[in-house]
Amino acid sequence: PSPASTSASAAASPAHAQAAADPAPPAALPHLDALPSSLPDYLNQIERDIILRALAQTQFNRTQAAQLLGISFRQLRYQMQKLNIQEPEA
């Protein structure tokens, strides 16, 4: 087999698929005392917190924050509108 087909088959191996399907270790997940009453609201709050941390880290430079988050500037702008995140007044 060619090197390309060998690496492609290795990437699609059952071990690789299982590793991708495993959940994050508990330490990487936020601690919950109880289940949230609304999963969408809970996820929005987590997303909002992460975006606000990235914006604070970049002094609210949205281009840099988007790069830090691994999303496009347009995606960040959309999420900021959706989550009602506004730039602080100068």
PDB file of N, CA and C in Angstrom:
ATOM      1  N   PRO A   1       0.825  -1.206   0.000  1.00  0.00           N
ATOM      2  CA  PRO A   1       0.000   0.000   0.000  1.00  0.00           C
ATOM      3  C   PRO A   1       0.862   1.261   0.000  1.00  0.00           C
ATOM      4  N   SER A   2       0.322   2.311  -0.547  1.00  0.00           N
ATOM      5  CA  SER A   2       1.051   3.573  -0.602  1.00  0.00           C
ATOM      6  C   SER A   2       1.060   4.225   0.779  1.00  0.00           C
ATOM      7  N   PRO A   3       2.013   5.122   1.042  1.00  0.00           N
ATOM      8  CA  PRO A   3       2.050   5.805   2.349  1.00  0.00           C
ATOM      9  C   PRO A   3       0.763   6.571   2.626  1.00  0.00           C
ATOM     10  N   ALA A   4       0.154   7.139   1.589  1.00  0.00           N
ATOM     11  CA  ALA A   4      -1.079   7.896   1.795  1.00  0.00           C
ATOM     12  C   ALA A   4      -2.201   6.985   2.260  1.00  0.00           C
ATOM     13  N   SER A   5      -2.328   5.798   1.652  1.00  0.00           N
ATOM     14  CA  SER A   5      -3.408   4.903   2.056  1.00  0.00           C
ATOM     15  C   SER A   5      -3.142   4.314   3.431  1.00  0.00           C
ATOM     16  N   THR A   6      -1.881   4.114   3.781  1.00  0.00           N
ATOM     17  CA  THR A   6      -1.543   3.597   5.102  1.00  0.00           C
ATOM     18  C   THR A   6      -1.906   4.607   6.182  1.00  0.00           C
ATOM     19  N   SER A   7      -1.583   5.881   5.968  1.00  0.00           N
ATOM     20  CA  SER A   7      -1.907   6.881   6.977  1.00  0.00           C
ATOM     21  C   SER A   7      -3.408   7.114   7.046  1.00  0.00           C
ATOM     22  N   ALA A   8      -4.106   7.003   5.922  1.00  0.00           N
ATOM     23  CA  ALA A   8      -5.557   7.172   5.936  1.00  0.00           C
ATOM     24  C   ALA A   8      -6.217   6.041   6.704  1.00  0.00           C
ATOM     25  N   SER A   9      -5.727   4.806   6.523  1.00  0.00           N
ATOM     26  CA  SER A   9      -6.327   3.695   7.246  1.00  0.00           C
ATOM     27  C   SER A   9      -5.989   3.773   8.730  1.00  0.00           C
ATOM     28  N   ALA A  10      -4.817   4.284   9.065  1.00  0.00           N
ATOM     29  CA  ALA A  10      -4.455   4.436  10.475  1.00  0.00           C
ATOM     30  C   ALA A  10      -5.335   5.480  11.145  1.00  0.00           C
ATOM     31  N   ALA A  11      -5.649   6.545  10.413  1.00  0.00           N
ATOM     32  CA  ALA A  11      -6.490   7.592  10.978  1.00  0.00           C
ATOM     33  C   ALA A  11      -7.909   7.099  11.196  1.00  0.00           C
ATOM     34  N   ALA A  12      -8.344   6.122  10.424  1.00  0.00           N
ATOM     35  CA  ALA A  12      -9.704   5.615  10.537  1.00  0.00           C
ATOM     36  C   ALA A  12      -9.761   4.349  11.382  1.00  0.00           C
ATOM     37  N   SER A  13      -8.705   4.029  12.113  1.00  0.00           N
ATOM     38  CA  SER A  13      -8.665   2.806  12.911  1.00  0.00           C
ATOM     39  C   SER A  13      -9.683   2.869  14.043  1.00  0.00           C
ATOM     40  N   PRO A  14     -10.130   1.710  14.514  1.00  0.00           N
ATOM     41  CA  PRO A  14     -11.090   1.694  15.624  1.00  0.00           C
ATOM     42  C   PRO A  14     -10.566   2.409  16.866  1.00  0.00           C
ATOM     43  N   ALA A  15      -9.273   2.296  17.149  1.00  0.00           N
ATOM     44  CA  ALA A  15      -8.714   2.976  18.321  1.00  0.00           C
ATOM     45  C   ALA A  15      -8.839   4.488  18.176  1.00  0.00           C
ATOM     46  N   HIS A  16      -8.584   4.993  16.970  1.00  0.00           N
ATOM     47  CA  HIS A  16      -8.705   6.431  16.723  1.00  0.00           C
ATOM     48  C   HIS A  16     -10.159   6.867  16.868  1.00  0.00           C
ATOM     49  N   ALA A  17     -11.079   6.078  16.322  1.00  0.00           N
ATOM     50  CA  ALA A  17     -12.501   6.412  16.414  1.00  0.00           C
ATOM     51  C   ALA A  17     -12.948   6.406  17.866  1.00  0.00           C
ATOM     52  N   GLN A  18     -12.478   5.441  18.653  1.00  0.00           N
ATOM     53  CA  GLN A  18     -12.857   5.372  20.065  1.00  0.00           C
ATOM     54  C   GLN A  18     -12.306   6.569  20.829  1.00  0.00           C
ATOM     55  N   ALA A  19     -11.067   6.958  20.538  1.00  0.00           N
ATOM     56  CA  ALA A  19     -10.470   8.101  21.223  1.00  0.00           C
ATOM     57  C   ALA A  19     -11.253   9.371  20.926  1.00  0.00           C
ATOM     58  N   ALA A  20     -11.720   9.515  19.700  1.00  0.00           N
ATOM     59  CA  ALA A  20     -12.492  10.696  19.328  1.00  0.00           C
ATOM     60  C   ALA A  20     -13.862  10.688  19.986  1.00  0.00           C
ATOM     61  N   ALA A  21     -14.408   9.494  20.273  1.00  0.00           N
ATOM     62  CA  ALA A  21     -15.745   9.388  20.851  1.00  0.00           C
ATOM     63  C   ALA A  21     -15.732   9.492  22.370  1.00  0.00           C
ATOM     64  N   ASP A  22     -14.579   9.317  23.011  1.00  0.00           N
ATOM     65  CA  ASP A  22     -14.509   9.383  24.471  1.00  0.00           C
ATOM     66  C   ASP A  22     -14.830  10.791  24.944  1.00  0.00           C
ATOM     67  N   PRO A  23     -15.612  10.909  26.018  1.00  0.00           N
ATOM     68  CA  PRO A  23     -15.912  12.245  26.549  1.00  0.00           C
ATOM     69  C   PRO A  23     -14.683  12.852  27.203  1.00  0.00           C
ATOM     70  N   ALA A  24     -14.738  14.143  27.407  1.00  0.00           N
ATOM     71  CA  ALA A  24     -13.637  14.838  28.072  1.00  0.00           C
ATOM     72  C   ALA A  24     -13.512  14.316  29.498  1.00  0.00           C
ATOM     73  N   PRO A  25     -12.311  14.326  30.037  1.00  0.00           N
ATOM     74  CA  PRO A  25     -12.163  13.891  31.426  1.00  0.00           C
ATOM     75  C   PRO A  25     -12.942  14.819  32.355  1.00  0.00           C
ATOM     76  N   PRO A  26     -13.431  14.316  33.479  1.00  0.00           N
ATOM     77  CA  PRO A  26     -14.256  15.131  34.377  1.00  0.00           C
ATOM     78  C   PRO A  26     -13.603  16.440  34.796  1.00  0.00           C
ATOM     79  N   ALA A  27     -12.293  16.490  34.939  1.00  0.00           N
ATOM     80  CA  ALA A  27     -11.625  17.723  35.356  1.00  0.00           C
ATOM     81  C   ALA A  27     -11.786  18.835  34.327  1.00  0.00           C
ATOM     82  N   ALA A  28     -12.008  18.485  33.055  1.00  0.00           N
ATOM     83  CA  ALA A  28     -12.133  19.495  32.009  1.00  0.00           C
ATOM     84  C   ALA A  28     -13.545  20.071  31.933  1.00  0.00           C
ATOM     85  N   LEU A  29     -14.504  19.424  32.593  1.00  0.00           N
ATOM     86  CA  LEU A  29     -15.884  19.881  32.551  1.00  0.00           C
ATOM     87  C   LEU A  29     -16.189  20.735  33.772  1.00  0.00           C
ATOM     88  N   PRO A  30     -17.062  21.758  33.615  1.00  0.00           N
ATOM     89  CA  PRO A  30     -17.411  22.576  34.773  1.00  0.00           C
ATOM     90  C   PRO A  30     -18.171  21.739  35.800  1.00  0.00           C
ATOM     91  N   HIS A  31     -17.964  22.033  37.076  1.00  0.00           N
ATOM     92  CA  HIS A  31     -18.634  21.302  38.149  1.00  0.00           C
ATOM     93  C   HIS A  31     -20.094  21.742  38.245  1.00  0.00           C
ATOM     94  N   LEU A  32     -20.982  20.774  38.357  1.00  0.00           N
ATOM     95  CA  LEU A  32     -22.402  21.054  38.520  1.00  0.00           C
ATOM     96  C   LEU A  32     -22.862  20.496  39.857  1.00  0.00           C
ATOM     97  N   ASP A  33     -23.499  21.323  40.676  1.00  0.00           N
ATOM     98  CA  ASP A  33     -24.095  20.821  41.909  1.00  0.00           C
ATOM     99  C   ASP A  33     -25.388  20.090  41.586  1.00  0.00           C
ATOM    100  N   ALA A  34     -26.096  20.586  40.581  1.00  0.00           N
ATOM    101  CA  ALA A  34     -27.346  19.973  40.144  1.00  0.00           C
ATOM    102  C   ALA A  34     -27.457  20.161  38.640  1.00  0.00           C
ATOM    103  N   LEU A  35     -28.310  19.391  38.030  1.00  0.00           N
ATOM    104  CA  LEU A  35     -28.509  19.543  36.589  1.00  0.00           C
ATOM    105  C   LEU A  35     -29.168  20.884  36.303  1.00  0.00           C
ATOM    106  N   PRO A  36     -28.761  21.549  35.225  1.00  0.00           N
ATOM    107  CA  PRO A  36     -29.397  22.827  34.882  1.00  0.00           C
ATOM    108  C   PRO A  36     -30.845  22.600  34.483  1.00  0.00           C
ATOM    109  N   SER A  37     -31.686  23.600  34.730  1.00  0.00           N
ATOM    110  CA  SER A  37     -33.101  23.467  34.380  1.00  0.00           C
ATOM    111  C   SER A  37     -33.309  23.560  32.877  1.00  0.00           C
ATOM    112  N   SER A  38     -32.399  24.245  32.178  1.00  0.00           N
ATOM    113  CA  SER A  38     -32.508  24.398  30.731  1.00  0.00           C
ATOM    114  C   SER A  38     -31.124  24.236  30.118  1.00  0.00           C
ATOM    115  N   LEU A  39     -30.929  23.165  29.375  1.00  0.00           N
ATOM    116  CA  LEU A  39     -29.624  22.935  28.754  1.00  0.00           C
ATOM    117  C   LEU A  39     -29.246  24.064  27.794  1.00  0.00           C
ATOM    118  N   PRO A  40     -30.151  24.529  26.923  1.00  0.00           N
ATOM    119  CA  PRO A  40     -29.761  25.630  26.025  1.00  0.00           C
ATOM    120  C   PRO A  40     -29.323  26.885  26.788  1.00  0.00           C
ATOM    121  N   ASP A  41     -30.031  27.229  27.866  1.00  0.00           N
ATOM    122  CA  ASP A  41     -29.641  28.405  28.652  1.00  0.00           C
ATOM    123  C   ASP A  41     -28.280  28.198  29.307  1.00  0.00           C
ATOM    124  N   TYR A  42     -28.048  27.000  29.812  1.00  0.00           N
ATOM    125  CA  TYR A  42     -26.776  26.677  30.456  1.00  0.00           C
ATOM    126  C   TYR A  42     -25.629  26.768  29.447  1.00  0.00           C
ATOM    127  N   LEU A  43     -25.824  26.190  28.262  1.00  0.00           N
ATOM    128  CA  LEU A  43     -24.785  26.233  27.233  1.00  0.00           C
ATOM    129  C   LEU A  43     -24.535  27.660  26.759  1.00  0.00           C
ATOM    130  N   ASN A  44     -25.602  28.460  26.642  1.00  0.00           N
ATOM    131  CA  ASN A  44     -25.433  29.867  26.263  1.00  0.00           C
ATOM    132  C   ASN A  44     -24.600  30.607  27.303  1.00  0.00           C
ATOM    133  N   GLN A  45     -24.833  30.307  28.588  1.00  0.00           N
ATOM    134  CA  GLN A  45     -24.073  30.980  29.644  1.00  0.00           C
ATOM    135  C   GLN A  45     -22.598  30.594  29.587  1.00  0.00           C
ATOM    136  N   ILE A  46     -22.322  29.316  29.348  1.00  0.00           N
ATOM    137  CA  ILE A  46     -20.924  28.877  29.224  1.00  0.00           C
ATOM    138  C   ILE A  46     -20.267  29.560  28.028  1.00  0.00           C
ATOM    139  N   GLU A  47     -20.977  29.583  26.886  1.00  0.00           N
ATOM    140  CA  GLU A  47     -20.435  30.219  25.683  1.00  0.00           C
ATOM    141  C   GLU A  47     -20.195  31.710  25.930  1.00  0.00           C
ATOM    142  N   ARG A  48     -21.129  32.357  26.603  1.00  0.00           N
ATOM    143  CA  ARG A  48     -21.005  33.776  26.917  1.00  0.00           C
ATOM    144  C   ARG A  48     -19.766  34.022  27.786  1.00  0.00           C
ATOM    145  N   ASP A  49     -19.591  33.197  28.808  1.00  0.00           N
ATOM    146  CA  ASP A  49     -18.439  33.349  29.702  1.00  0.00           C
ATOM    147  C   ASP A  49     -17.120  33.185  28.950  1.00  0.00           C
ATOM    148  N   ILE A  50     -17.050  32.196  28.070  1.00  0.00           N
ATOM    149  CA  ILE A  50     -15.816  31.947  27.312  1.00  0.00           C
ATOM    150  C   ILE A  50     -15.523  33.105  26.366  1.00  0.00           C
ATOM    151  N   ILE A  51     -16.549  33.600  25.689  1.00  0.00           N
ATOM    152  CA  ILE A  51     -16.362  34.732  24.773  1.00  0.00           C
ATOM    153  C   ILE A  51     -15.919  35.966  25.550  1.00  0.00           C
ATOM    154  N   LEU A  52     -16.548  36.221  26.698  1.00  0.00           N
ATOM    155  CA  LEU A  52     -16.167  37.383  27.501  1.00  0.00           C
ATOM    156  C   LEU A  52     -14.725  37.275  28.002  1.00  0.00           C
ATOM    157  N   ARG A  53     -14.284  36.070  28.362  1.00  0.00           N
ATOM    158  CA  ARG A  53     -12.890  35.890  28.792  1.00  0.00           C
ATOM    159  C   ARG A  53     -11.930  36.172  27.644  1.00  0.00           C
ATOM    160  N   ALA A  54     -12.265  35.687  26.431  1.00  0.00           N
ATOM    161  CA  ALA A  54     -11.406  35.934  25.266  1.00  0.00           C
ATOM    162  C   ALA A  54     -11.370  37.423  24.944  1.00  0.00           C
ATOM    163  N   LEU A  55     -12.509  38.089  25.043  1.00  0.00           N
ATOM    164  CA  LEU A  55     -12.555  39.526  24.772  1.00  0.00           C
ATOM    165  C   LEU A  55     -11.756  40.305  25.817  1.00  0.00           C
ATOM    166  N   ALA A  56     -11.858  39.916  27.071  1.00  0.00           N
ATOM    167  CA  ALA A  56     -11.094  40.590  28.128  1.00  0.00           C
ATOM    168  C   ALA A  56      -9.597  40.383  27.915  1.00  0.00           C
ATOM    169  N   GLN A  57      -9.220  39.178  27.518  1.00  0.00           N
ATOM    170  CA  GLN A  57      -7.802  38.858  27.303  1.00  0.00           C
ATOM    171  C   GLN A  57      -7.215  39.659  26.149  1.00  0.00           C
ATOM    172  N   THR A  58      -8.064  40.036  25.188  1.00  0.00           N
ATOM    173  CA  THR A  58      -7.594  40.780  24.010  1.00  0.00           C
ATOM    174  C   THR A  58      -7.992  42.255  24.067  1.00  0.00           C
ATOM    175  N   GLN A  59      -8.342  42.749  25.254  1.00  0.00           N
ATOM    176  CA  GLN A  59      -8.799  44.130  25.421  1.00  0.00           C
ATOM    177  C   GLN A  59      -9.936  44.466  24.445  1.00  0.00           C
ATOM    178  N   PHE A  60     -10.839  43.508  24.271  1.00  0.00           N
ATOM    179  CA  PHE A  60     -12.031  43.616  23.423  1.00  0.00           C
ATOM    180  C   PHE A  60     -11.696  43.764  21.942  1.00  0.00           C
ATOM    181  N   ASN A  61     -10.534  43.283  21.527  1.00  0.00           N
ATOM    182  CA  ASN A  61     -10.192  43.235  20.104  1.00  0.00           C
ATOM    183  C   ASN A  61     -10.874  41.988  19.538  1.00  0.00           C
ATOM    184  N   ARG A  62     -11.958  42.200  18.799  1.00  0.00           N
ATOM    185  CA  ARG A  62     -12.774  41.073  18.325  1.00  0.00           C
ATOM    186  C   ARG A  62     -12.028  40.193  17.325  1.00  0.00           C
ATOM    187  N   THR A  63     -11.170  40.765  16.508  1.00  0.00           N
ATOM    188  CA  THR A  63     -10.406  39.956  15.553  1.00  0.00           C
ATOM    189  C   THR A  63      -9.485  38.999  16.300  1.00  0.00           C
ATOM    190  N   GLN A  64      -8.760  39.518  17.284  1.00  0.00           N
ATOM    191  CA  GLN A  64      -7.858  38.671  18.068  1.00  0.00           C
ATOM    192  C   GLN A  64      -8.639  37.657  18.906  1.00  0.00           C
ATOM    193  N   ALA A  65      -9.774  38.073  19.464  1.00  0.00           N
ATOM    194  CA  ALA A  65     -10.593  37.158  20.270  1.00  0.00           C
ATOM    195  C   ALA A  65     -11.109  36.012  19.407  1.00  0.00           C
ATOM    196  N   ALA A  66     -11.540  36.320  18.194  1.00  0.00           N
ATOM    197  CA  ALA A  66     -12.025  35.272  17.283  1.00  0.00           C
ATOM    198  C   ALA A  66     -10.904  34.291  16.970  1.00  0.00           C
ATOM    199  N   GLN A  67      -9.702  34.800  16.715  1.00  0.00           N
ATOM    200  CA  GLN A  67      -8.556  33.926  16.445  1.00  0.00           C
ATOM    201  C   GLN A  67      -8.250  33.058  17.658  1.00  0.00           C
ATOM    202  N   LEU A  68      -8.301  33.643  18.834  1.00  0.00           N
ATOM    203  CA  LEU A  68      -8.045  32.910  20.071  1.00  0.00           C
ATOM    204  C   LEU A  68      -9.062  31.782  20.260  1.00  0.00           C
ATOM    205  N   LEU A  69     -10.309  32.047  19.879  1.00  0.00           N
ATOM    206  CA  LEU A  69     -11.380  31.058  20.023  1.00  0.00           C
ATOM    207  C   LEU A  69     -11.434  30.066  18.864  1.00  0.00           C
ATOM    208  N   GLY A  70     -10.703  30.345  17.796  1.00  0.00           N
ATOM    209  CA  GLY A  70     -10.699  29.443  16.643  1.00  0.00           C
ATOM    210  C   GLY A  70     -11.951  29.551  15.796  1.00  0.00           C
ATOM    211  N   ILE A  71     -12.551  30.751  15.783  1.00  0.00           N
ATOM    212  CA  ILE A  71     -13.742  30.984  14.968  1.00  0.00           C
ATOM    213  C   ILE A  71     -13.495  32.219  14.110  1.00  0.00           C
ATOM    214  N   SER A  72     -14.372  32.434  13.137  1.00  0.00           N
ATOM    215  CA  SER A  72     -14.216  33.609  12.280  1.00  0.00           C
ATOM    216  C   SER A  72     -14.727  34.855  13.002  1.00  0.00           C
ATOM    217  N   PHE A  73     -14.301  36.006  12.517  1.00  0.00           N
ATOM    218  CA  PHE A  73     -14.773  37.277  13.059  1.00  0.00           C
ATOM    219  C   PHE A  73     -16.295  37.355  12.957  1.00  0.00           C
ATOM    220  N   ARG A  74     -16.836  36.909  11.819  1.00  0.00           N
ATOM    221  CA  ARG A  74     -18.298  36.948  11.624  1.00  0.00           C
ATOM    222  C   ARG A  74     -19.020  36.051  12.611  1.00  0.00           C
ATOM    223  N   GLN A  75     -18.452  34.860  12.886  1.00  0.00           N
ATOM    224  CA  GLN A  75     -19.069  33.969  13.870  1.00  0.00           C
ATOM    225  C   GLN A  75     -19.065  34.617  15.252  1.00  0.00           C
ATOM    226  N   LEU A  76     -17.953  35.258  15.604  1.00  0.00           N
ATOM    227  CA  LEU A  76     -17.880  35.928  16.903  1.00  0.00           C
ATOM    228  C   LEU A  76     -18.900  37.055  16.976  1.00  0.00           C
ATOM    229  N   ARG A  77     -18.985  37.852  15.930  1.00  0.00           N
ATOM    230  CA  ARG A  77     -19.944  38.958  15.919  1.00  0.00           C
ATOM    231  C   ARG A  77     -21.373  38.443  16.060  1.00  0.00           C
ATOM    232  N   TYR A  78     -21.702  37.348  15.365  1.00  0.00           N
ATOM    233  CA  TYR A  78     -23.035  36.750  15.461  1.00  0.00           C
ATOM    234  C   TYR A  78     -23.302  36.267  16.890  1.00  0.00           C
ATOM    235  N   GLN A  79     -22.333  35.568  17.481  1.00  0.00           N
ATOM    236  CA  GLN A  79     -22.514  35.050  18.839  1.00  0.00           C
ATOM    237  C   GLN A  79     -22.650  36.194  19.847  1.00  0.00           C
ATOM    238  N   MET A  80     -21.905  37.263  19.644  1.00  0.00           N
ATOM    239  CA  MET A  80     -22.018  38.415  20.540  1.00  0.00           C
ATOM    240  C   MET A  80     -23.412  39.020  20.463  1.00  0.00           C
ATOM    241  N   GLN A  81     -23.973  39.108  19.260  1.00  0.00           N
ATOM    242  CA  GLN A  81     -25.334  39.630  19.115  1.00  0.00           C
ATOM    243  C   GLN A  81     -26.341  38.684  19.756  1.00  0.00           C
ATOM    244  N   LYS A  82     -26.186  37.387  19.490  1.00  0.00           N
ATOM    245  CA  LYS A  82     -27.108  36.378  20.019  1.00  0.00           C
ATOM    246  C   LYS A  82     -27.098  36.361  21.547  1.00  0.00           C
ATOM    247  N   LEU A  83     -25.909  36.517  22.132  1.00  0.00           N
ATOM    248  CA  LEU A  83     -25.759  36.429  23.583  1.00  0.00           C
ATOM    249  C   LEU A  83     -25.791  37.800  24.260  1.00  0.00           C
ATOM    250  N   ASN A  84     -26.109  38.830  23.493  1.00  0.00           N
ATOM    251  CA  ASN A  84     -26.222  40.204  23.995  1.00  0.00           C
ATOM    252  C   ASN A  84     -24.941  40.660  24.704  1.00  0.00           C
ATOM    253  N   ILE A  85     -23.817  40.456  24.031  1.00  0.00           N
ATOM    254  CA  ILE A  85     -22.524  40.926  24.538  1.00  0.00           C
ATOM    255  C   ILE A  85     -22.203  42.209  23.792  1.00  0.00           C
ATOM    256  N   GLN A  86     -22.063  43.299  24.546  1.00  0.00           N
ATOM    257  CA  GLN A  86     -21.791  44.588  23.922  1.00  0.00           C
ATOM    258  C   GLN A  86     -20.428  45.098  24.354  1.00  0.00           C
ATOM    259  N   GLU A  87     -19.804  45.831  23.444  1.00  0.00           N
ATOM    260  CA  GLU A  87     -18.504  46.424  23.744  1.00  0.00           C
ATOM    261  C   GLU A  87     -18.686  47.457  24.849  1.00  0.00           C
ATOM    262  N   PRO A  88     -17.784  47.460  25.839  1.00  0.00           N
ATOM    263  CA  PRO A  88     -17.920  48.436  26.929  1.00  0.00           C
ATOM    264  C   PRO A  88     -17.774  49.864  26.412  1.00  0.00           C
ATOM    265  N   GLU A  89     -18.457  50.763  27.086  1.00  0.00           N
ATOM    266  CA  GLU A  89     -18.380  52.188  26.724  1.00  0.00           C
ATOM    267  C   GLU A  89     -16.983  52.711  27.058  1.00  0.00           C
ATOM    268  N   ALA A  90     -16.462  53.569  26.193  1.00  0.00           N
ATOM    269  CA  ALA A  90     -15.106  54.110  26.410  1.00  0.00           C
ATOM    270  C   ALA A  90     -15.100  55.207  27.437  1.00  0.00           C
TER     271      ALA A  90
END
